[in-house]
Amino acid sequence: MTSKELLYIEDSLGHENFMKSCSTKTASKLTDPTLSSYIGSLAQKHTDLANKFLNLL
């Protein structure tokens, strides 16, 4: 793997972790259970994507 590819994966991991963090915080603050559940599922999706990027290493 080239250094440019590693930088891309590192950048992608950072973005996924940021989105996971934002989604988790937002889901915990929402009062609408349907919307909170949906945002929680987005947090899980970003966790899964981050894990997929980690598996590339």
PDB file of N, CA and C in Angstrom:
ATOM      1  N   MET A   1       0.853  -1.172   0.000  1.00  0.00           N
ATOM      2  CA  MET A   1       0.000   0.000   0.000  1.00  0.00           C
ATOM      3  C   MET A   1       0.899   1.235   0.000  1.00  0.00           C
ATOM      4  N   THR A   2       0.559   2.186  -0.854  1.00  0.00           N
ATOM      5  CA  THR A   2       1.374   3.392  -0.955  1.00  0.00           C
ATOM      6  C   THR A   2       1.067   4.354   0.193  1.00  0.00           C
ATOM      7  N   SER A   3       1.945   5.311   0.377  1.00  0.00           N
ATOM      8  CA  SER A   3       1.730   6.296   1.446  1.00  0.00           C
ATOM      9  C   SER A   3       0.493   7.153   1.161  1.00  0.00           C
ATOM     10  N   LYS A   4       0.226   7.398  -0.120  1.00  0.00           N
ATOM     11  CA  LYS A   4      -0.961   8.175  -0.475  1.00  0.00           C
ATOM     12  C   LYS A   4      -2.237   7.407  -0.112  1.00  0.00           C
ATOM     13  N   GLU A   5      -2.234   6.105  -0.340  1.00  0.00           N
ATOM     14  CA  GLU A   5      -3.402   5.281   0.026  1.00  0.00           C
ATOM     15  C   GLU A   5      -3.586   5.231   1.532  1.00  0.00           C
ATOM     16  N   LEU A   6      -2.488   5.145   2.266  1.00  0.00           N
ATOM     17  CA  LEU A   6      -2.577   5.144   3.729  1.00  0.00           C
ATOM     18  C   LEU A   6      -3.129   6.465   4.251  1.00  0.00           C
ATOM     19  N   LEU A   7      -2.729   7.568   3.634  1.00  0.00           N
ATOM     20  CA  LEU A   7      -3.263   8.872   4.029  1.00  0.00           C
ATOM     21  C   LEU A   7      -4.763   8.954   3.762  1.00  0.00           C
ATOM     22  N   TYR A   8      -5.192   8.386   2.645  1.00  0.00           N
ATOM     23  CA  TYR A   8      -6.621   8.374   2.317  1.00  0.00           C
ATOM     24  C   TYR A   8      -7.401   7.576   3.358  1.00  0.00           C
ATOM     25  N   ILE A   9      -6.883   6.423   3.740  1.00  0.00           N
ATOM     26  CA  ILE A   9      -7.568   5.592   4.735  1.00  0.00           C
ATOM     27  C   ILE A   9      -7.594   6.298   6.087  1.00  0.00           C
ATOM     28  N   GLU A  10      -6.487   6.920   6.454  1.00  0.00           N
ATOM     29  CA  GLU A  10      -6.440   7.655   7.720  1.00  0.00           C
ATOM     30  C   GLU A  10      -7.458   8.795   7.731  1.00  0.00           C
ATOM     31  N   ASP A  11      -7.551   9.519   6.631  1.00  0.00           N
ATOM     32  CA  ASP A  11      -8.511  10.609   6.513  1.00  0.00           C
ATOM     33  C   ASP A  11      -9.944  10.082   6.594  1.00  0.00           C
ATOM     34  N   SER A  12     -10.197   8.980   5.923  1.00  0.00           N
ATOM     35  CA  SER A  12     -11.530   8.378   5.942  1.00  0.00           C
ATOM     36  C   SER A  12     -11.908   7.905   7.339  1.00  0.00           C
ATOM     37  N   LEU A  13     -10.955   7.319   8.041  1.00  0.00           N
ATOM     38  CA  LEU A  13     -11.209   6.890   9.422  1.00  0.00           C
ATOM     39  C   LEU A  13     -11.567   8.079  10.302  1.00  0.00           C
ATOM     40  N   GLY A  14     -10.844   9.173  10.123  1.00  0.00           N
ATOM     41  CA  GLY A  14     -11.144  10.375  10.896  1.00  0.00           C
ATOM     42  C   GLY A  14     -12.546  10.887  10.635  1.00  0.00           C
ATOM     43  N   HIS A  15     -12.939  10.891   9.372  1.00  0.00           N
ATOM     44  CA  HIS A  15     -14.289  11.350   9.018  1.00  0.00           C
ATOM     45  C   HIS A  15     -15.358  10.423   9.594  1.00  0.00           C
ATOM     46  N   GLU A  16     -15.147   9.131   9.480  1.00  0.00           N
ATOM     47  CA  GLU A  16     -16.135   8.182  10.001  1.00  0.00           C
ATOM     48  C   GLU A  16     -16.257   8.283  11.518  1.00  0.00           C
ATOM     49  N   ASN A  17     -15.139   8.423  12.202  1.00  0.00           N
ATOM     50  CA  ASN A  17     -15.186   8.565  13.663  1.00  0.00           C
ATOM     51  C   ASN A  17     -15.866   9.864  14.075  1.00  0.00           C
ATOM     52  N   PHE A  18     -15.641  10.924  13.315  1.00  0.00           N
ATOM     53  CA  PHE A  18     -16.306  12.197  13.599  1.00  0.00           C
ATOM     54  C   PHE A  18     -17.815  12.068  13.398  1.00  0.00           C
ATOM     55  N   MET A  19     -18.224  11.446  12.306  1.00  0.00           N
ATOM     56  CA  MET A  19     -19.656  11.277  12.027  1.00  0.00           C
ATOM     57  C   MET A  19     -20.308  10.370  13.071  1.00  0.00           C
ATOM     58  N   LYS A  20     -19.596   9.328  13.491  1.00  0.00           N
ATOM     59  CA  LYS A  20     -20.118   8.438  14.534  1.00  0.00           C
ATOM     60  C   LYS A  20     -20.327   9.219  15.830  1.00  0.00           C
ATOM     61  N   SER A  21     -19.353  10.031  16.179  1.00  0.00           N
ATOM     62  CA  SER A  21     -19.435  10.829  17.402  1.00  0.00           C
ATOM     63  C   SER A  21     -20.595  11.817  17.339  1.00  0.00           C
ATOM     64  N   CYS A  22     -20.718  12.517  16.224  1.00  0.00           N
ATOM     65  CA  CYS A  22     -21.815  13.486  16.061  1.00  0.00           C
ATOM     66  C   CYS A  22     -23.175  12.794  16.100  1.00  0.00           C
ATOM     67  N   SER A  23     -23.278  11.667  15.435  1.00  0.00           N
ATOM     68  CA  SER A  23     -24.555  10.937  15.396  1.00  0.00           C
ATOM     69  C   SER A  23     -24.943  10.438  16.782  1.00  0.00           C
ATOM     70  N   THR A  24     -23.972   9.914  17.508  1.00  0.00           N
ATOM     71  CA  THR A  24     -24.245   9.393  18.852  1.00  0.00           C
ATOM     72  C   THR A  24     -24.704  10.512  19.786  1.00  0.00           C
ATOM     73  N   LYS A  25     -24.009  11.643  19.748  1.00  0.00           N
ATOM     74  CA  LYS A  25     -24.383  12.776  20.602  1.00  0.00           C
ATOM     75  C   LYS A  25     -25.767  13.309  20.237  1.00  0.00           C
ATOM     76  N   THR A  26     -26.031  13.411  18.945  1.00  0.00           N
ATOM     77  CA  THR A  26     -27.323  13.933  18.495  1.00  0.00           C
ATOM     78  C   THR A  26     -28.454  13.000  18.883  1.00  0.00           C
ATOM     79  N   ALA A  27     -28.261  11.696  18.698  1.00  0.00           N
ATOM     80  CA  ALA A  27     -29.300  10.722  19.033  1.00  0.00           C
ATOM     81  C   ALA A  27     -29.645  10.776  20.521  1.00  0.00           C
ATOM     82  N   SER A  28     -28.640  11.023  21.354  1.00  0.00           N
ATOM     83  CA  SER A  28     -28.903  11.059  22.796  1.00  0.00           C
ATOM     84  C   SER A  28     -29.658  12.319  23.219  1.00  0.00           C
ATOM     85  N   LYS A  29     -29.598  13.371  22.403  1.00  0.00           N
ATOM     86  CA  LYS A  29     -30.248  14.634  22.756  1.00  0.00           C
ATOM     87  C   LYS A  29     -31.666  14.765  22.193  1.00  0.00           C
ATOM     88  N   LEU A  30     -32.003  13.937  21.223  1.00  0.00           N
ATOM     89  CA  LEU A  30     -33.313  14.057  20.588  1.00  0.00           C
ATOM     90  C   LEU A  30     -34.417  13.504  21.477  1.00  0.00           C
ATOM     91  N   THR A  31     -35.581  14.137  21.412  1.00  0.00           N
ATOM     92  CA  THR A  31     -36.718  13.664  22.203  1.00  0.00           C
ATOM     93  C   THR A  31     -37.668  12.800  21.378  1.00  0.00           C
ATOM     94  N   ASP A  32     -37.634  12.941  20.074  1.00  0.00           N
ATOM     95  CA  ASP A  32     -38.471  12.120  19.197  1.00  0.00           C
ATOM     96  C   ASP A  32     -37.839  10.732  19.077  1.00  0.00           C
ATOM     97  N   PRO A  33     -38.521   9.695  19.572  1.00  0.00           N
ATOM     98  CA  PRO A  33     -37.916   8.357  19.578  1.00  0.00           C
ATOM     99  C   PRO A  33     -37.630   7.807  18.176  1.00  0.00           C
ATOM    100  N   THR A  34     -38.472   8.120  17.209  1.00  0.00           N
ATOM    101  CA  THR A  34     -38.256   7.628  15.849  1.00  0.00           C
ATOM    102  C   THR A  34     -37.001   8.249  15.241  1.00  0.00           C
ATOM    103  N   LEU A  35     -36.888   9.558  15.388  1.00  0.00           N
ATOM    104  CA  LEU A  35     -35.726  10.254  14.856  1.00  0.00           C
ATOM    105  C   LEU A  35     -34.451   9.841  15.597  1.00  0.00           C
ATOM    106  N   SER A  36     -34.552   9.702  16.898  1.00  0.00           N
ATOM    107  CA  SER A  36     -33.406   9.273  17.695  1.00  0.00           C
ATOM    108  C   SER A  36     -32.942   7.876  17.274  1.00  0.00           C
ATOM    109  N   SER A  37     -33.874   7.001  17.011  1.00  0.00           N
ATOM    110  CA  SER A  37     -33.537   5.651  16.569  1.00  0.00           C
ATOM    111  C   SER A  37     -32.857   5.676  15.210  1.00  0.00           C
ATOM    112  N   TYR A  38     -33.365   6.501  14.308  1.00  0.00           N
ATOM    113  CA  TYR A  38     -32.776   6.615  12.976  1.00  0.00           C
ATOM    114  C   TYR A  38     -31.341   7.140  13.060  1.00  0.00           C
ATOM    115  N   ILE A  39     -31.129   8.186  13.844  1.00  0.00           N
ATOM    116  CA  ILE A  39     -29.786   8.757  13.986  1.00  0.00           C
ATOM    117  C   ILE A  39     -28.869   7.746  14.673  1.00  0.00           C
ATOM    118  N   GLY A  40     -29.407   6.970  15.606  1.00  0.00           N
ATOM    119  CA  GLY A  40     -28.620   5.910  16.240  1.00  0.00           C
ATOM    120  C   GLY A  40     -28.180   4.863  15.231  1.00  0.00           C
ATOM    121  N   SER A  41     -29.052   4.553  14.277  1.00  0.00           N
ATOM    122  CA  SER A  41     -28.678   3.581  13.242  1.00  0.00           C
ATOM    123  C   SER A  41     -27.599   4.161  12.326  1.00  0.00           C
ATOM    124  N   LEU A  42     -27.631   5.472  12.111  1.00  0.00           N
ATOM    125  CA  LEU A  42     -26.560   6.099  11.335  1.00  0.00           C
ATOM    126  C   LEU A  42     -25.222   6.005  12.071  1.00  0.00           C
ATOM    127  N   ALA A  43     -25.257   6.166  13.386  1.00  0.00           N
ATOM    128  CA  ALA A  43     -24.031   6.031  14.179  1.00  0.00           C
ATOM    129  C   ALA A  43     -23.468   4.623  14.022  1.00  0.00           C
ATOM    130  N   GLN A  44     -24.342   3.621  14.031  1.00  0.00           N
ATOM    131  CA  GLN A  44     -23.890   2.242  13.851  1.00  0.00           C
ATOM    132  C   GLN A  44     -23.319   2.031  12.456  1.00  0.00           C
ATOM    133  N   LYS A  45     -23.931   2.649  11.471  1.00  0.00           N
ATOM    134  CA  LYS A  45     -23.434   2.527  10.096  1.00  0.00           C
ATOM    135  C   LYS A  45     -22.023   3.119   9.981  1.00  0.00           C
ATOM    136  N   HIS A  46     -21.794   4.260  10.617  1.00  0.00           N
ATOM    137  CA  HIS A  46     -20.470   4.877  10.574  1.00  0.00           C
ATOM    138  C   HIS A  46     -19.451   4.041  11.348  1.00  0.00           C
ATOM    139  N   THR A  47     -19.873   3.385  12.407  1.00  0.00           N
ATOM    140  CA  THR A  47     -18.992   2.475  13.126  1.00  0.00           C
ATOM    141  C   THR A  47     -18.582   1.318  12.223  1.00  0.00           C
ATOM    142  N   ASP A  48     -19.552   0.763  11.518  1.00  0.00           N
ATOM    143  CA  ASP A  48     -19.263  -0.345  10.595  1.00  0.00           C
ATOM    144  C   ASP A  48     -18.314   0.090   9.486  1.00  0.00           C
ATOM    145  N   LEU A  49     -18.522   1.281   8.948  1.00  0.00           N
ATOM    146  CA  LEU A  49     -17.643   1.774   7.890  1.00  0.00           C
ATOM    147  C   LEU A  49     -16.224   1.998   8.413  1.00  0.00           C
ATOM    148  N   ALA A  50     -16.096   2.525   9.614  1.00  0.00           N
ATOM    149  CA  ALA A  50     -14.773   2.725  10.204  1.00  0.00           C
ATOM    150  C   ALA A  50     -14.076   1.388  10.389  1.00  0.00           C
ATOM    151  N   ASN A  51     -14.813   0.385  10.815  1.00  0.00           N
ATOM    152  CA  ASN A  51     -14.225  -0.953  10.980  1.00  0.00           C
ATOM    153  C   ASN A  51     -13.778  -1.533   9.640  1.00  0.00           C
ATOM    154  N   LYS A  52     -14.526  -1.276   8.600  1.00  0.00           N
ATOM    155  CA  LYS A  52     -14.124  -1.756   7.272  1.00  0.00           C
ATOM    156  C   LYS A  52     -12.831  -1.093   6.813  1.00  0.00           C
ATOM    157  N   PHE A  53     -12.696   0.206   7.089  1.00  0.00           N
ATOM    158  CA  PHE A  53     -11.453   0.886   6.739  1.00  0.00           C
ATOM    159  C   PHE A  53     -10.281   0.326   7.555  1.00  0.00           C
ATOM    160  N   LEU A  54     -10.516   0.028   8.826  1.00  0.00           N
ATOM    161  CA  LEU A  54      -9.458  -0.553   9.661  1.00  0.00           C
ATOM    162  C   LEU A  54      -9.040  -1.921   9.142  1.00  0.00           C
ATOM    163  N   ASN A  55      -9.993  -2.672   8.622  1.00  0.00           N
ATOM    164  CA  ASN A  55      -9.676  -4.011   8.100  1.00  0.00           C
ATOM    165  C   ASN A  55      -8.831  -3.940   6.843  1.00  0.00           C
ATOM    166  N   LEU A  56      -8.798  -2.800   6.163  1.00  0.00           N
ATOM    167  CA  LEU A  56      -7.951  -2.640   4.994  1.00  0.00           C
ATOM    168  C   LEU A  56      -6.485  -2.609   5.384  1.00  0.00           C
ATOM    169  N   LEU A  57      -6.231  -2.227   6.624  1.00  0.00           N
ATOM    170  CA  LEU A  57      -4.841  -2.158   7.098  1.00  0.00           C
ATOM    171  C   LEU A  57      -4.455  -3.519   7.544  1.00  0.00           C
TER     172      LEU A  57
END
